[in-house]
Amino acid sequence: MKLQFQEQLKTLRSEKNLSIEELSLRTQVSMEKLTAYENGEQIPSTQTILILSTVLEVPVSNLIDGLH
């Protein structure tokens, strides 16, 4: 079973031992936006997904598979 985007983001962030605040600082994405992504309230832009995948050191496909 594939994880939904929000679950995948939370999992990857936890695996890197990053708080929402730390991820926000590293990605320059607001904590409010990151929280909305993790709660499934918003879907990030393509640019934000690229930034998240770079910071979390995973292929983009690891994040977007749950967006279908």
C-alpha atoms as a PDB file:
ATOM      1  CA  MET A   1       0.000   0.000   0.000  1.00  0.00           C
ATOM      2  CA  LYS A   2       1.349   3.394  -0.986  1.00  0.00           C
ATOM      3  CA  LEU A   3       1.320   6.165   1.569  1.00  0.00           C
ATOM      4  CA  GLN A   4      -0.625   9.304   0.836  1.00  0.00           C
ATOM      5  CA  PHE A   5       1.486  12.410   0.261  1.00  0.00           C
ATOM      6  CA  GLN A   6       0.840  13.823   3.733  1.00  0.00           C
ATOM      7  CA  GLU A   7       1.752  10.526   5.415  1.00  0.00           C
ATOM      8  CA  GLN A   8       4.859  10.173   3.275  1.00  0.00           C
ATOM      9  CA  LEU A   9       5.983  13.710   4.111  1.00  0.00           C
ATOM     10  CA  LYS A  10       5.527  13.098   7.848  1.00  0.00           C
ATOM     11  CA  THR A  11       7.362   9.772   7.635  1.00  0.00           C
ATOM     12  CA  LEU A  12      10.312  11.168   5.702  1.00  0.00           C
ATOM     13  CA  ARG A  13      10.567  14.186   8.008  1.00  0.00           C
ATOM     14  CA  SER A  14      10.549  11.893  11.043  1.00  0.00           C
ATOM     15  CA  GLU A  15      13.179   9.605   9.517  1.00  0.00           C
ATOM     16  CA  LYS A  16      15.456  12.652   9.147  1.00  0.00           C
ATOM     17  CA  ASN A  17      14.677  13.674  12.742  1.00  0.00           C
ATOM     18  CA  LEU A  18      13.450  17.071  11.583  1.00  0.00           C
ATOM     19  CA  SER A  19      10.816  19.141  13.323  1.00  0.00           C
ATOM     20  CA  ILE A  20       8.380  21.175  11.253  1.00  0.00           C
ATOM     21  CA  GLU A  21      10.386  24.242  12.264  1.00  0.00           C
ATOM     22  CA  GLU A  22      13.685  22.724  11.088  1.00  0.00           C
ATOM     23  CA  LEU A  23      12.172  21.618   7.783  1.00  0.00           C
ATOM     24  CA  SER A  24      10.724  25.101   7.350  1.00  0.00           C
ATOM     25  CA  LEU A  25      14.127  26.686   7.860  1.00  0.00           C
ATOM     26  CA  ARG A  26      15.822  24.312   5.431  1.00  0.00           C
ATOM     27  CA  THR A  27      13.184  24.629   2.708  1.00  0.00           C
ATOM     28  CA  GLN A  28      12.102  28.245   3.221  1.00  0.00           C
ATOM     29  CA  VAL A  29       8.504  26.975   3.269  1.00  0.00           C
ATOM     30  CA  SER A  30       6.431  28.362   6.141  1.00  0.00           C
ATOM     31  CA  MET A  31       5.573  26.121   9.066  1.00  0.00           C
ATOM     32  CA  GLU A  32       1.901  26.838   8.374  1.00  0.00           C
ATOM     33  CA  LYS A  33       2.234  25.526   4.796  1.00  0.00           C
ATOM     34  CA  LEU A  34       4.156  22.434   5.894  1.00  0.00           C
ATOM     35  CA  THR A  35       1.537  21.705   8.536  1.00  0.00           C
ATOM     36  CA  ALA A  36      -1.224  22.096   5.926  1.00  0.00           C
ATOM     37  CA  TYR A  37       0.634  19.651   3.638  1.00  0.00           C
ATOM     38  CA  GLU A  38       1.040  17.108   6.436  1.00  0.00           C
ATOM     39  CA  ASN A  39      -2.627  17.450   7.400  1.00  0.00           C
ATOM     40  CA  GLY A  40      -3.735  16.958   3.797  1.00  0.00           C
ATOM     41  CA  GLU A  41      -5.304  20.422   3.678  1.00  0.00           C
ATOM     42  CA  GLN A  42      -3.162  21.649   0.769  1.00  0.00           C
ATOM     43  CA  ILE A  43      -1.079  20.174  -2.032  1.00  0.00           C
ATOM     44  CA  PRO A  44       2.327  21.768  -2.606  1.00  0.00           C
ATOM     45  CA  SER A  45       3.417  23.270  -5.888  1.00  0.00           C
ATOM     46  CA  THR A  46       5.800  21.397  -8.152  1.00  0.00           C
ATOM     47  CA  GLN A  47       8.613  23.729  -7.063  1.00  0.00           C
ATOM     48  CA  THR A  48       7.916  23.010  -3.389  1.00  0.00           C
ATOM     49  CA  ILE A  49       7.899  19.256  -4.046  1.00  0.00           C
ATOM     50  CA  LEU A  50      11.313  19.590  -5.714  1.00  0.00           C
ATOM     51  CA  ILE A  51      12.645  21.520  -2.724  1.00  0.00           C
ATOM     52  CA  LEU A  52      11.210  19.000  -0.255  1.00  0.00           C
ATOM     53  CA  SER A  53      12.682  16.057  -2.146  1.00  0.00           C
ATOM     54  CA  THR A  54      16.098  17.735  -2.206  1.00  0.00           C
ATOM     55  CA  VAL A  55      16.098  18.562   1.504  1.00  0.00           C
ATOM     56  CA  LEU A  56      14.701  15.164   2.481  1.00  0.00           C
ATOM     57  CA  GLU A  57      17.187  13.475   0.108  1.00  0.00           C
ATOM     58  CA  VAL A  58      14.608  11.330  -1.694  1.00  0.00           C
ATOM     59  CA  PRO A  59      13.497  11.067  -5.320  1.00  0.00           C
ATOM     60  CA  VAL A  60      10.500  13.216  -6.208  1.00  0.00           C
ATOM     61  CA  SER A  61       8.569  10.018  -6.932  1.00  0.00           C
ATOM     62  CA  ASN A  62       8.784   9.095  -3.231  1.00  0.00           C
ATOM     63  CA  LEU A  63       6.678  12.161  -2.476  1.00  0.00           C
ATOM     64  CA  ILE A  64       4.309  12.370  -5.417  1.00  0.00           C
ATOM     65  CA  ASP A  65       3.227   8.729  -5.649  1.00  0.00           C
ATOM     66  CA  GLY A  66       0.617   9.536  -2.996  1.00  0.00           C
ATOM     67  CA  LEU A  67      -0.804  12.467  -4.980  1.00  0.00           C
ATOM     68  CA  HIS A  68      -2.664  10.338  -7.530  1.00  0.00           C
END
